[in-house]
Amino acid sequence: MAVPSHTELFNPTLQAIKKLGDSASNAELNEEVIRNLKLSEQDLAQPHDPRQTEIEYRLAWARTYLKIYGLLDNSSRGVWVLTTKGKETERVNPKEVASFARNRPSTKKIKGDAPGLIDSNEKIDITEVVEVVLEQTWREKLSRILLEIDPSAFERLCQRILRESGFTQVTVTGKTGDGGIDGFGLVKLGGLLSFPIIFQCKRYQGSVSSKIIREFRGAMIGRADRGLVITTGTFTRDAKAEATRDGVPPIDLVDGEQLLDKLKELRLGVEIKMVEEVSIAPDWFKNI
């Protein structure tokens, strides 16, 4: 089965969020849809760009179309929820959803370079498109920078992220041939309990395989009870399953999308400028 188009993902996305309790994060929605579609590993690994797969990219646009149609809404933290209309809708006609977006009175034609899933002559809600395009733009730029920096600089960046996230005694080994171990850190819980973490930094354009996860776990056994792998790329389905396999030390995974989100959250190399909007209330002056 080839990767479905964004319109073919409308109903799988709607069904997935209903199953997850009418709300879900991007990652939860993606995982649930992918699980139900039963795509092959080759299809799942097909890249769109260094930080995300083609299926993830198309799912993002599917959510945007469903939002325009009034079935989904999302918070500033990236949590998607069903609207009242969405809760009452079991299935949609994909052509109807696409047509609605194209023919809304408030829509405009997109000019110039448009996202790959949208024809540059297609009408769609320009506000929604601008939001998605701007989001894609800063992510693509930051992703390219992360792939261009020196490997040792990327390790130091991961070290800084962990420190800013509350880890202590974070050190980078700077060694090779140690089973992929790049550093160590200590996590404290409630100021009372602490446990060591071993981490690995993968500056990848593709997907991290289950073999890499297994080798990393083999290197960490006896040194720490939990591991962390941070990558600029993605993780295969088998890698995710291996990371949480029963009976072995768990390994937490941070993919390229989560890495960018964390850099934005911590304001590490990312500046966020708030635009001030000034409006005038003429009636206020009349009532002085």
Protein backbone atom coordinates (compact mmCIF):
# COMPACT_ATOMS: atom_id res chain seq x y z
CA MET A 1 0.00 0.00 0.00
CA ALA A 2 1.44 3.36 -1.06
CA VAL A 3 1.36 6.38 1.23
CA PRO A 4 -2.23 7.74 1.06
CA SER A 5 -2.89 11.25 -0.19
CA HIS A 6 -3.90 13.94 2.31
CA THR A 7 -7.55 13.65 1.19
CA GLU A 8 -7.48 9.88 1.72
CA LEU A 9 -6.32 10.57 5.29
CA PHE A 10 -9.38 12.67 6.25
CA ASN A 11 -11.48 9.78 7.55
CA PRO A 12 -8.60 7.79 9.14
CA THR A 13 -7.66 10.97 11.06
CA LEU A 14 -11.25 11.56 12.16
CA GLN A 15 -11.64 7.95 13.29
CA ALA A 16 -8.31 8.03 15.13
CA ILE A 17 -9.08 11.12 17.21
CA LYS A 18 -12.48 9.69 18.17
CA LYS A 19 -10.80 6.49 19.34
CA LEU A 20 -8.30 8.54 21.39
CA GLY A 21 -11.08 10.26 23.33
CA ASP A 22 -11.84 13.28 21.11
CA SER A 23 -8.42 14.89 21.66
CA ALA A 24 -4.83 13.99 20.87
CA SER A 25 -1.37 15.40 20.25
CA ASN A 26 0.21 15.35 16.80
CA ALA A 27 2.32 12.35 17.74
CA GLU A 28 -0.62 10.42 19.20
CA LEU A 29 -2.76 11.08 16.13
CA ASN A 30 0.00 10.11 13.73
CA GLU A 31 0.72 6.90 15.62
CA GLU A 32 -2.94 5.87 15.77
CA VAL A 33 -3.59 6.55 12.07
CA ILE A 34 -0.41 4.77 10.99
CA ARG A 35 -1.26 1.77 13.16
CA ASN A 36 -4.70 1.47 11.57
CA LEU A 37 -3.44 1.87 8.00
CA LYS A 38 -0.97 -1.01 8.36
CA LEU A 39 1.58 0.59 6.05
CA SER A 40 4.83 -1.19 5.27
CA GLU A 41 8.11 -0.13 6.87
CA GLN A 42 9.26 1.10 3.46
CA ASP A 43 6.20 3.33 3.11
CA LEU A 44 6.53 4.63 6.66
CA ALA A 45 10.20 5.46 6.16
CA GLN A 46 9.65 7.43 2.95
CA PRO A 47 11.11 10.86 3.78
CA HIS A 48 9.55 14.19 2.92
CA ASP A 49 12.47 16.15 4.34
CA PRO A 50 15.22 15.39 6.90
CA ARG A 51 13.00 15.80 9.95
CA GLN A 52 9.72 14.15 8.93
CA THR A 53 8.36 11.36 6.81
CA GLU A 54 5.96 11.75 3.90
CA ILE A 55 3.09 10.21 5.88
CA GLU A 56 3.62 12.71 8.72
CA TYR A 57 3.65 15.60 6.25
CA ARG A 58 0.40 14.49 4.61
CA LEU A 59 -1.26 13.89 7.96
CA ALA A 60 -0.43 17.48 8.94
CA TRP A 61 -2.28 18.75 5.87
CA ALA A 62 -5.19 16.38 6.51
CA ARG A 63 -5.62 17.93 9.96
CA THR A 64 -5.50 21.42 8.46
CA TYR A 65 -8.25 20.62 5.95
CA LEU A 66 -10.43 19.08 8.68
CA LYS A 67 -9.92 22.21 10.75
CA ILE A 68 -11.02 24.42 7.85
CA TYR A 69 -14.08 22.18 7.42
CA GLY A 70 -14.92 22.75 11.10
CA LEU A 71 -14.36 19.26 12.47
CA LEU A 72 -11.08 19.84 14.33
CA ASP A 73 -9.49 22.63 16.31
CA ASN A 74 -6.06 22.87 17.92
CA SER A 75 -4.57 24.61 20.92
CA SER A 76 -1.33 26.60 21.03
CA ARG A 77 0.35 23.51 22.49
CA GLY A 78 -0.48 21.41 19.45
CA VAL A 79 -3.29 19.37 20.97
CA TRP A 80 -6.08 18.63 18.50
CA VAL A 81 -9.69 18.35 19.63
CA LEU A 82 -12.98 17.48 17.98
CA THR A 83 -15.43 20.35 17.61
CA THR A 84 -19.15 19.84 18.25
CA LYS A 85 -19.57 19.30 14.51
CA GLY A 86 -16.69 16.83 14.57
CA LYS A 87 -18.24 14.80 17.36
CA GLU A 88 -21.45 14.52 15.35
CA THR A 89 -19.64 13.46 12.17
CA GLU A 90 -18.70 9.81 11.67
CA ARG A 91 -17.31 10.06 8.14
CA VAL A 92 -16.76 12.73 5.52
CA ASN A 93 -16.77 12.84 1.77
CA PRO A 94 -13.14 13.77 0.96
CA LYS A 95 -14.15 15.59 -2.23
CA GLU A 96 -16.69 17.63 -0.29
CA VAL A 97 -14.12 18.68 2.31
CA ALA A 98 -11.62 19.71 -0.39
CA SER A 99 -14.32 21.54 -2.34
CA PHE A 100 -15.45 23.40 0.78
CA ALA A 101 -11.91 24.66 1.38
CA ARG A 102 -11.52 25.74 -2.24
CA ASN A 103 -14.84 27.56 -2.53
CA ARG A 104 -15.26 29.36 0.78
CA PRO A 105 -16.16 33.04 0.20
CA SER A 106 -13.29 34.16 2.44
CA THR A 107 -10.67 32.18 0.57
CA LYS A 108 -8.05 33.43 -1.86
CA LYS A 109 -5.96 31.79 -4.52
CA ILE A 110 -2.44 30.95 -3.47
CA LYS A 111 0.21 32.67 -5.52
CA GLY A 112 3.84 31.73 -5.93
CA ASP A 113 5.40 28.73 -4.21
CA ALA A 114 2.81 26.69 -2.39
CA PRO A 115 3.13 23.54 -0.25
CA GLY A 116 3.55 20.39 -2.28
CA LEU A 117 0.08 19.08 -1.49
CA ILE A 118 -1.73 22.18 -2.73
CA ASP A 119 -2.01 23.40 -6.30
CA SER A 120 -0.83 27.01 -6.59
CA ASN A 121 -4.12 27.82 -8.36
CA GLU A 122 -6.26 26.17 -5.72
CA LYS A 123 -8.47 28.23 -3.45
CA ILE A 124 -8.19 27.57 0.26
CA ASP A 125 -8.41 29.51 3.50
CA ILE A 126 -5.36 31.74 3.22
CA THR A 127 -5.05 32.24 6.98
CA GLU A 128 -4.78 28.52 7.62
CA VAL A 129 -2.29 28.09 4.79
CA VAL A 130 -0.10 30.96 5.97
CA GLU A 131 0.01 29.46 9.47
CA VAL A 132 1.06 26.07 8.16
CA VAL A 133 3.56 27.47 5.65
CA LEU A 134 5.22 29.69 8.26
CA GLU A 135 5.42 26.72 10.62
CA GLN A 136 7.01 24.61 7.88
CA THR A 137 9.42 27.40 6.92
CA TRP A 138 11.08 27.93 10.30
CA ARG A 139 11.20 24.17 10.90
CA GLU A 140 12.87 23.50 7.55
CA LYS A 141 15.44 26.25 8.12
CA LEU A 142 16.29 25.07 11.64
CA SER A 143 16.41 21.46 10.50
CA ARG A 144 18.95 22.32 7.79
CA ILE A 145 21.11 24.17 10.32
CA LEU A 146 21.15 21.18 12.67
CA LEU A 147 22.32 18.94 9.85
CA GLU A 148 25.09 21.36 8.89
CA ILE A 149 26.68 21.91 12.31
CA ASP A 150 29.65 19.85 13.44
CA PRO A 151 28.78 16.51 15.14
CA SER A 152 30.51 17.62 18.35
CA ALA A 153 28.49 20.85 18.29
CA PHE A 154 25.29 18.81 17.99
CA GLU A 155 26.33 16.79 21.04
CA ARG A 156 26.92 20.01 22.98
CA LEU A 157 23.52 21.27 21.85
CA CYS A 158 21.87 18.11 23.20
CA GLN A 159 23.82 18.59 26.43
CA ARG A 160 22.45 22.15 26.71
CA ILE A 161 18.90 20.96 26.01
CA LEU A 162 19.12 18.40 28.80
CA ARG A 163 20.51 20.95 31.25
CA GLU A 164 17.81 23.46 30.37
CA SER A 165 15.24 20.68 30.85
CA GLY A 166 16.31 20.00 34.42
CA PHE A 167 19.04 17.36 34.06
CA THR A 168 22.13 17.72 36.23
CA GLN A 169 25.72 16.50 35.94
CA VAL A 170 25.31 16.27 32.16
CA THR A 171 28.55 15.25 30.48
CA VAL A 172 29.46 14.45 26.88
CA THR A 173 31.94 11.61 26.43
CA GLY A 174 33.26 12.66 23.03
CA LYS A 175 34.25 9.06 22.40
CA THR A 176 33.58 6.69 19.51
CA GLY A 177 33.11 2.96 19.55
CA ASP A 178 31.26 2.95 22.87
CA GLY A 179 28.04 1.44 21.61
CA GLY A 180 26.72 4.82 20.61
CA ILE A 181 26.87 6.35 24.08
CA ASP A 182 27.43 10.10 23.75
CA GLY A 183 26.85 11.26 27.30
CA PHE A 184 25.48 10.84 30.79
CA GLY A 185 23.10 12.83 32.95
CA LEU A 186 21.20 12.71 36.21
CA VAL A 187 17.46 13.24 36.56
CA LYS A 188 16.02 14.34 39.90
CA LEU A 189 12.38 13.77 40.81
CA GLY A 190 10.82 16.05 43.39
CA GLY A 191 14.22 16.89 44.81
CA LEU A 192 14.28 13.50 46.54
CA LEU A 193 14.90 10.75 44.02
CA SER A 194 17.48 10.68 41.26
CA PHE A 195 18.50 8.21 38.58
CA PRO A 196 21.14 8.21 35.84
CA ILE A 197 20.37 8.57 32.14
CA ILE A 198 22.60 7.63 29.21
CA PHE A 199 21.94 9.47 25.97
CA GLN A 200 22.83 9.17 22.32
CA CYS A 201 22.75 11.94 19.69
CA LYS A 202 21.96 10.97 16.09
CA ARG A 203 22.38 13.63 13.40
CA TYR A 204 20.35 11.68 10.84
CA GLN A 205 18.51 12.65 7.68
CA GLY A 206 16.69 9.33 7.59
CA SER A 207 15.19 6.94 10.10
CA VAL A 208 16.92 5.41 13.11
CA SER A 209 16.50 1.62 12.97
CA SER A 210 15.73 -0.93 15.68
CA LYS A 211 19.28 -2.28 15.30
CA ILE A 212 20.70 1.03 16.53
CA ILE A 213 18.32 1.00 19.51
CA ARG A 214 19.32 -2.57 20.42
CA GLU A 215 23.05 -1.78 20.20
CA PHE A 216 22.57 1.33 22.33
CA ARG A 217 20.70 -0.65 24.97
CA GLY A 218 23.44 -3.26 25.02
CA ALA A 219 25.99 -0.53 25.75
CA MET A 220 23.92 1.07 28.53
CA ILE A 221 23.06 -2.11 30.46
CA GLY A 222 24.85 -2.05 33.81
CA ARG A 223 25.46 1.70 33.58
CA ALA A 224 21.93 3.12 33.73
CA ASP A 225 18.35 1.95 33.99
CA ARG A 226 17.06 4.25 31.28
CA GLY A 227 18.30 5.65 27.98
CA LEU A 228 17.51 8.56 25.69
CA VAL A 229 18.09 8.84 21.94
CA ILE A 230 17.82 12.27 20.28
CA THR A 231 17.80 12.52 16.49
CA THR A 232 17.25 15.12 13.80
CA GLY A 233 15.48 12.44 11.76
CA THR A 234 12.77 9.92 12.56
CA PHE A 235 12.44 6.46 14.11
CA THR A 236 11.16 3.39 12.32
CA ARG A 237 8.12 1.61 13.71
CA ASP A 238 10.35 -1.29 14.78
CA ALA A 239 12.71 1.12 16.54
CA LYS A 240 9.81 2.55 18.56
CA ALA A 241 8.66 -0.95 19.48
CA GLU A 242 12.20 -1.95 20.48
CA ALA A 243 12.56 1.14 22.68
CA THR A 244 9.58 0.11 24.82
CA ARG A 245 9.96 -3.68 24.65
CA ASP A 246 8.95 -5.49 27.85
CA GLY A 247 11.63 -6.95 30.09
CA VAL A 248 14.47 -4.61 29.09
CA PRO A 249 15.54 -1.10 30.17
CA PRO A 250 13.31 1.47 28.44
CA ILE A 251 14.68 4.02 26.01
CA ASP A 252 12.97 7.35 25.40
CA LEU A 253 13.00 8.67 21.84
CA VAL A 254 13.11 12.30 20.67
CA ASP A 255 12.68 12.70 16.91
CA GLY A 256 13.39 15.71 14.71
CA GLU A 257 9.97 17.31 15.18
CA GLN A 258 10.16 17.01 18.97
CA LEU A 259 13.70 18.36 18.91
CA LEU A 260 12.60 21.48 17.04
CA ASP A 261 9.69 21.94 19.44
CA LYS A 262 12.05 21.72 22.40
CA LEU A 263 14.48 24.25 20.92
CA LYS A 264 11.57 26.62 20.37
CA GLU A 265 10.21 26.04 23.87
CA LEU A 266 13.59 26.66 25.49
CA ARG A 267 14.39 29.58 23.13
CA LEU A 268 17.70 27.97 22.17
CA GLY A 269 18.73 29.55 18.88
CA VAL A 270 15.06 30.40 18.24
CA GLU A 271 13.67 33.90 18.70
CA ILE A 272 9.93 34.51 18.87
CA LYS A 273 8.72 38.01 18.13
CA MET A 274 5.24 39.06 19.17
CA VAL A 275 3.57 41.50 16.79
CA GLU A 276 1.61 44.30 18.46
CA GLU A 277 -1.77 44.97 16.86
CA VAL A 278 -3.29 48.38 17.55
CA SER A 279 -6.98 49.05 16.89
CA ILE A 280 -8.98 52.25 17.35
CA ALA A 281 -12.43 52.42 18.99
CA PRO A 282 -14.12 55.57 17.53
CA ASP A 283 -17.18 55.16 19.77
CA TRP A 284 -15.01 55.52 22.85
CA PHE A 285 -14.11 59.08 21.85
CA LYS A 286 -17.74 59.96 21.20
CA ASN A 287 -18.66 59.03 24.76
CA ILE A 288 -16.00 61.09 26.53
